[in-house]
Amino acid sequence: STAAQAANFAVGDYVAIYEYTSGDVLPAQMSQVTGVDVASGQLTLADPVIRPFAAPSIAKVTSLAAHDIAINDVIVQGALPLAVSETFNFSASNDQFLSDTSIGGGNVNELLLNTVEHFTFSGTRSRLLTVPTSIRSLASATVRTESGRETLFKTLRLVLENTPGTSQ
């Protein structure tokens, strides 16, 4: 970065360092600016650069960045119960992410974290959930009222708790 370019950045900005800037997948590293020396054109980043870049480009992505995201005390069930991408400072605490591989004819059991900088999981569990076909049919029934939804979920919970071979 030159002095003139460094003046475009401020402490706290989120940045992406790109190896190159054309194509479908762009190898990059994300970080946050912790210091700007306009006289020398030097930026200080929160994280060390993890690989060499032959001809790097740096871009301020502050206006595009998802940051300081927290998910606390929730249960999420689905084919892909957690997908976090291009996020700074993500945390999940006391959550359950339940992968239902029966949706869509059989999915993989995974959580997806793609280009996530600084993340924390505490007290969080991820489990594979096997749901019998009859329960899947009940779960997909249309329920139009909030009290109906609550009753459906209570019923599903009771059925799951009492169904042999069903993961909890």
C-alpha atoms as a PDB file:
ATOM      1  CA  SER A   1       0.000   0.000   0.000  1.00  0.00           C
ATOM      2  CA  THR A   2       1.307   3.462  -0.808  1.00  0.00           C
ATOM      3  CA  ALA A   3       0.739   6.519   1.378  1.00  0.00           C
ATOM      4  CA  ALA A   4      -2.109   7.706  -0.837  1.00  0.00           C
ATOM      5  CA  GLN A   5      -3.756   4.276  -0.746  1.00  0.00           C
ATOM      6  CA  ALA A   6      -3.300   3.908   3.026  1.00  0.00           C
ATOM      7  CA  ALA A   7      -5.295   7.100   3.554  1.00  0.00           C
ATOM      8  CA  ASN A   8      -8.363   5.214   2.262  1.00  0.00           C
ATOM      9  CA  PHE A   9      -8.313   2.913   5.297  1.00  0.00           C
ATOM     10  CA  ALA A  10      -9.090   3.520   8.960  1.00  0.00           C
ATOM     11  CA  VAL A  11      -8.604   1.528  12.137  1.00  0.00           C
ATOM     12  CA  GLY A  12     -11.557  -0.854  12.459  1.00  0.00           C
ATOM     13  CA  ASP A  13     -12.093  -1.311   8.711  1.00  0.00           C
ATOM     14  CA  TYR A  14     -12.608  -4.857   7.481  1.00  0.00           C
ATOM     15  CA  VAL A  15     -10.424  -5.785   4.511  1.00  0.00           C
ATOM     16  CA  ALA A  16      -9.890  -8.617   2.057  1.00  0.00           C
ATOM     17  CA  ILE A  17      -6.476  -9.335   0.570  1.00  0.00           C
ATOM     18  CA  TYR A  18      -6.875 -11.021  -2.821  1.00  0.00           C
ATOM     19  CA  GLU A  19      -4.287 -13.091  -4.648  1.00  0.00           C
ATOM     20  CA  TYR A  20      -5.943 -12.043  -7.915  1.00  0.00           C
ATOM     21  CA  THR A  21      -9.199 -10.305  -8.764  1.00  0.00           C
ATOM     22  CA  SER A  22     -10.748 -12.167 -11.681  1.00  0.00           C
ATOM     23  CA  GLY A  23     -12.392 -15.555 -11.909  1.00  0.00           C
ATOM     24  CA  ASP A  24     -15.019 -17.483 -10.000  1.00  0.00           C
ATOM     25  CA  VAL A  25     -13.144 -18.360  -6.811  1.00  0.00           C
ATOM     26  CA  LEU A  26     -10.769 -15.711  -5.506  1.00  0.00           C
ATOM     27  CA  PRO A  27      -8.125 -16.856  -3.028  1.00  0.00           C
ATOM     28  CA  ALA A  28      -8.223 -14.291  -0.252  1.00  0.00           C
ATOM     29  CA  GLN A  29      -7.580 -13.576   3.381  1.00  0.00           C
ATOM     30  CA  MET A  30      -9.880 -11.433   5.466  1.00  0.00           C
ATOM     31  CA  SER A  31      -8.745  -9.287   8.379  1.00  0.00           C
ATOM     32  CA  GLN A  32      -9.408  -6.071  10.250  1.00  0.00           C
ATOM     33  CA  VAL A  33      -7.234  -2.965  10.200  1.00  0.00           C
ATOM     34  CA  THR A  34      -5.680  -2.186  13.604  1.00  0.00           C
ATOM     35  CA  GLY A  35      -3.280   0.552  12.485  1.00  0.00           C
ATOM     36  CA  VAL A  36      -2.736   2.970   9.603  1.00  0.00           C
ATOM     37  CA  ASP A  37       0.556   4.774   8.955  1.00  0.00           C
ATOM     38  CA  VAL A  38      -0.243   7.165   6.130  1.00  0.00           C
ATOM     39  CA  ALA A  39       3.356   8.480   5.970  1.00  0.00           C
ATOM     40  CA  SER A  40       4.786   5.046   5.158  1.00  0.00           C
ATOM     41  CA  GLY A  41       1.692   3.614   3.488  1.00  0.00           C
ATOM     42  CA  GLN A  42       1.654   0.701   5.943  1.00  0.00           C
ATOM     43  CA  LEU A  43      -1.471  -0.974   7.279  1.00  0.00           C
ATOM     44  CA  THR A  44      -1.378  -3.113  10.417  1.00  0.00           C
ATOM     45  CA  LEU A  45      -3.814  -6.032  10.461  1.00  0.00           C
ATOM     46  CA  ALA A  46      -5.396  -7.957  13.326  1.00  0.00           C
ATOM     47  CA  ASP A  47      -4.118 -11.220  11.843  1.00  0.00           C
ATOM     48  CA  PRO A  48      -0.785 -12.149  10.274  1.00  0.00           C
ATOM     49  CA  VAL A  49      -0.869 -12.776   6.536  1.00  0.00           C
ATOM     50  CA  ILE A  50      -0.963 -16.576   6.294  1.00  0.00           C
ATOM     51  CA  ARG A  51       0.440 -17.092   2.805  1.00  0.00           C
ATOM     52  CA  PRO A  52       2.445 -15.180   0.243  1.00  0.00           C
ATOM     53  CA  PHE A  53       0.569 -13.279  -2.443  1.00  0.00           C
ATOM     54  CA  ALA A  54       2.495 -12.711  -5.700  1.00  0.00           C
ATOM     55  CA  ALA A  55       0.635  -9.510  -6.625  1.00  0.00           C
ATOM     56  CA  PRO A  56      -1.914  -8.842  -3.863  1.00  0.00           C
ATOM     57  CA  SER A  57      -4.833  -6.451  -3.992  1.00  0.00           C
ATOM     58  CA  ILE A  58      -6.450  -5.182  -0.828  1.00  0.00           C
ATOM     59  CA  ALA A  59     -10.029  -3.971  -0.651  1.00  0.00           C
ATOM     60  CA  LYS A  60     -12.010  -2.338   2.108  1.00  0.00           C
ATOM     61  CA  VAL A  61     -15.064  -4.550   2.621  1.00  0.00           C
ATOM     62  CA  THR A  62     -16.461  -2.854   5.734  1.00  0.00           C
ATOM     63  CA  SER A  63     -19.788  -1.936   4.118  1.00  0.00           C
ATOM     64  CA  LEU A  64     -20.232  -5.536   2.920  1.00  0.00           C
ATOM     65  CA  ALA A  65     -18.952  -7.346   6.004  1.00  0.00           C
ATOM     66  CA  ALA A  66     -21.137  -9.379   8.312  1.00  0.00           C
ATOM     67  CA  HIS A  67     -19.553  -9.027  11.732  1.00  0.00           C
ATOM     68  CA  ASP A  68     -20.130  -9.534  15.439  1.00  0.00           C
ATOM     69  CA  ILE A  69     -22.827 -12.175  14.876  1.00  0.00           C
ATOM     70  CA  ALA A  70     -23.984 -14.327  17.795  1.00  0.00           C
ATOM     71  CA  ILE A  71     -26.422 -17.240  17.998  1.00  0.00           C
ATOM     72  CA  ASN A  72     -27.289 -18.164  21.570  1.00  0.00           C
ATOM     73  CA  ASP A  73     -29.601 -20.732  23.170  1.00  0.00           C
ATOM     74  CA  VAL A  74     -31.352 -21.973  20.010  1.00  0.00           C
ATOM     75  CA  ILE A  75     -32.093 -25.337  18.443  1.00  0.00           C
ATOM     76  CA  VAL A  76     -31.836 -25.411  14.647  1.00  0.00           C
ATOM     77  CA  GLN A  77     -32.908 -28.483  12.675  1.00  0.00           C
ATOM     78  CA  GLY A  78     -32.622 -28.917   8.929  1.00  0.00           C
ATOM     79  CA  ALA A  79     -30.699 -30.328   6.014  1.00  0.00           C
ATOM     80  CA  LEU A  80     -27.912 -27.814   6.703  1.00  0.00           C
ATOM     81  CA  PRO A  81     -28.626 -26.346  10.138  1.00  0.00           C
ATOM     82  CA  LEU A  82     -25.724 -23.887  10.144  1.00  0.00           C
ATOM     83  CA  ALA A  83     -24.109 -22.073   7.231  1.00  0.00           C
ATOM     84  CA  VAL A  84     -21.912 -19.062   7.964  1.00  0.00           C
ATOM     85  CA  SER A  85     -19.953 -17.415   5.184  1.00  0.00           C
ATOM     86  CA  GLU A  86     -17.646 -14.404   4.942  1.00  0.00           C
ATOM     87  CA  THR A  87     -18.189 -13.317   8.531  1.00  0.00           C
ATOM     88  CA  PHE A  88     -15.994 -11.690  11.154  1.00  0.00           C
ATOM     89  CA  ASN A  89     -16.385 -12.463  14.865  1.00  0.00           C
ATOM     90  CA  PHE A  90     -19.043 -15.199  14.910  1.00  0.00           C
ATOM     91  CA  SER A  91     -20.034 -16.958  18.112  1.00  0.00           C
ATOM     92  CA  ALA A  92     -22.479 -19.717  18.988  1.00  0.00           C
ATOM     93  CA  SER A  93     -23.181 -20.685  22.577  1.00  0.00           C
ATOM     94  CA  ASN A  94     -25.498 -23.245  24.131  1.00  0.00           C
ATOM     95  CA  ASP A  95     -27.026 -24.159  20.759  1.00  0.00           C
ATOM     96  CA  GLN A  96     -27.983 -27.421  19.099  1.00  0.00           C
ATOM     97  CA  PHE A  97     -27.576 -27.853  15.347  1.00  0.00           C
ATOM     98  CA  LEU A  98     -29.474 -30.968  14.248  1.00  0.00           C
ATOM     99  CA  SER A  99     -28.696 -32.315  10.757  1.00  0.00           C
ATOM    100  CA  ASP A 100     -31.666 -34.104   9.233  1.00  0.00           C
ATOM    101  CA  THR A 101     -30.232 -36.231   6.425  1.00  0.00           C
ATOM    102  CA  SER A 102     -33.674 -37.484   5.396  1.00  0.00           C
ATOM    103  CA  ILE A 103     -34.612 -34.151   3.788  1.00  0.00           C
ATOM    104  CA  GLY A 104     -34.302 -34.137   0.026  1.00  0.00           C
ATOM    105  CA  GLY A 105     -33.542 -37.836  -0.256  1.00  0.00           C
ATOM    106  CA  GLY A 106     -30.428 -37.861   1.918  1.00  0.00           C
ATOM    107  CA  ASN A 107     -28.060 -35.011   2.632  1.00  0.00           C
ATOM    108  CA  VAL A 108     -24.679 -34.919   4.246  1.00  0.00           C
ATOM    109  CA  ASN A 109     -24.271 -34.281   7.956  1.00  0.00           C
ATOM    110  CA  GLU A 110     -22.350 -31.020   8.200  1.00  0.00           C
ATOM    111  CA  LEU A 111     -22.071 -27.475   9.396  1.00  0.00           C
ATOM    112  CA  LEU A 112     -20.714 -24.991   6.865  1.00  0.00           C
ATOM    113  CA  LEU A 113     -18.187 -22.334   7.854  1.00  0.00           C
ATOM    114  CA  ASN A 114     -16.684 -20.588   4.825  1.00  0.00           C
ATOM    115  CA  THR A 115     -14.211 -17.730   5.261  1.00  0.00           C
ATOM    116  CA  VAL A 116     -15.133 -17.060   8.877  1.00  0.00           C
ATOM    117  CA  GLU A 117     -12.569 -15.055  10.819  1.00  0.00           C
ATOM    118  CA  HIS A 118     -12.505 -15.313  14.621  1.00  0.00           C
ATOM    119  CA  PHE A 119     -15.258 -17.700  15.651  1.00  0.00           C
ATOM    120  CA  THR A 120     -16.145 -19.294  18.980  1.00  0.00           C
ATOM    121  CA  PHE A 121     -18.337 -22.256  19.880  1.00  0.00           C
ATOM    122  CA  SER A 122     -19.121 -22.897  23.542  1.00  0.00           C
ATOM    123  CA  GLY A 123     -21.651 -25.329  24.965  1.00  0.00           C
ATOM    124  CA  THR A 124     -22.856 -25.976  21.413  1.00  0.00           C
ATOM    125  CA  ARG A 125     -23.612 -29.420  19.980  1.00  0.00           C
ATOM    126  CA  SER A 126     -24.079 -30.715  16.471  1.00  0.00           C
ATOM    127  CA  ARG A 127     -25.929 -33.993  15.996  1.00  0.00           C
ATOM    128  CA  LEU A 128     -27.235 -36.208  13.250  1.00  0.00           C
ATOM    129  CA  LEU A 129     -30.993 -36.575  13.527  1.00  0.00           C
ATOM    130  CA  THR A 130     -32.722 -39.587  12.012  1.00  0.00           C
ATOM    131  CA  VAL A 131     -36.444 -38.960  11.723  1.00  0.00           C
ATOM    132  CA  PRO A 132     -38.874 -41.779  10.792  1.00  0.00           C
ATOM    133  CA  THR A 133     -40.938 -41.160   7.624  1.00  0.00           C
ATOM    134  CA  SER A 134     -44.239 -40.902   9.524  1.00  0.00           C
ATOM    135  CA  ILE A 135     -42.847 -38.118  11.680  1.00  0.00           C
ATOM    136  CA  ARG A 136     -41.454 -36.304   8.630  1.00  0.00           C
ATOM    137  CA  SER A 137     -44.943 -36.373   7.109  1.00  0.00           C
ATOM    138  CA  LEU A 138     -46.431 -34.959  10.302  1.00  0.00           C
ATOM    139  CA  ALA A 139     -43.757 -32.259  10.458  1.00  0.00           C
ATOM    140  CA  SER A 140     -44.464 -31.129   6.915  1.00  0.00           C
ATOM    141  CA  ALA A 141     -48.181 -30.697   7.593  1.00  0.00           C
ATOM    142  CA  THR A 142     -49.387 -27.135   7.097  1.00  0.00           C
ATOM    143  CA  VAL A 143     -50.225 -25.424  10.368  1.00  0.00           C
ATOM    144  CA  ARG A 144     -51.757 -21.975  10.050  1.00  0.00           C
ATOM    145  CA  THR A 145     -51.909 -20.730  13.651  1.00  0.00           C
ATOM    146  CA  GLU A 146     -49.222 -20.094  16.235  1.00  0.00           C
ATOM    147  CA  SER A 147     -51.015 -22.310  18.790  1.00  0.00           C
ATOM    148  CA  GLY A 148     -51.256 -25.038  16.136  1.00  0.00           C
ATOM    149  CA  ARG A 149     -47.497 -24.804  15.532  1.00  0.00           C
ATOM    150  CA  GLU A 150     -46.832 -25.069  19.261  1.00  0.00           C
ATOM    151  CA  THR A 151     -49.067 -28.141  19.508  1.00  0.00           C
ATOM    152  CA  LEU A 152     -47.373 -29.724  16.476  1.00  0.00           C
ATOM    153  CA  PHE A 153     -43.903 -29.180  17.955  1.00  0.00           C
ATOM    154  CA  LYS A 154     -44.964 -30.574  21.348  1.00  0.00           C
ATOM    155  CA  THR A 155     -46.421 -33.617  19.575  1.00  0.00           C
ATOM    156  CA  LEU A 156     -43.246 -34.113  17.513  1.00  0.00           C
ATOM    157  CA  ARG A 157     -41.118 -33.795  20.633  1.00  0.00           C
ATOM    158  CA  LEU A 158     -43.181 -36.448  22.449  1.00  0.00           C
ATOM    159  CA  VAL A 159     -43.157 -38.792  19.448  1.00  0.00           C
ATOM    160  CA  LEU A 160     -39.391 -38.404  19.006  1.00  0.00           C
ATOM    161  CA  GLU A 161     -38.747 -39.019  22.695  1.00  0.00           C
ATOM    162  CA  ASN A 162     -40.724 -42.245  22.513  1.00  0.00           C
ATOM    163  CA  THR A 163     -39.591 -43.573  19.124  1.00  0.00           C
ATOM    164  CA  PRO A 164     -36.947 -46.317  19.346  1.00  0.00           C
ATOM    165  CA  GLY A 165     -33.921 -45.697  17.129  1.00  0.00           C
ATOM    166  CA  THR A 166     -34.520 -41.963  16.837  1.00  0.00           C
ATOM    167  CA  SER A 167     -31.564 -39.782  17.725  1.00  0.00           C
ATOM    168  CA  GLN A 168     -32.295 -37.102  20.284  1.00  0.00           C
END
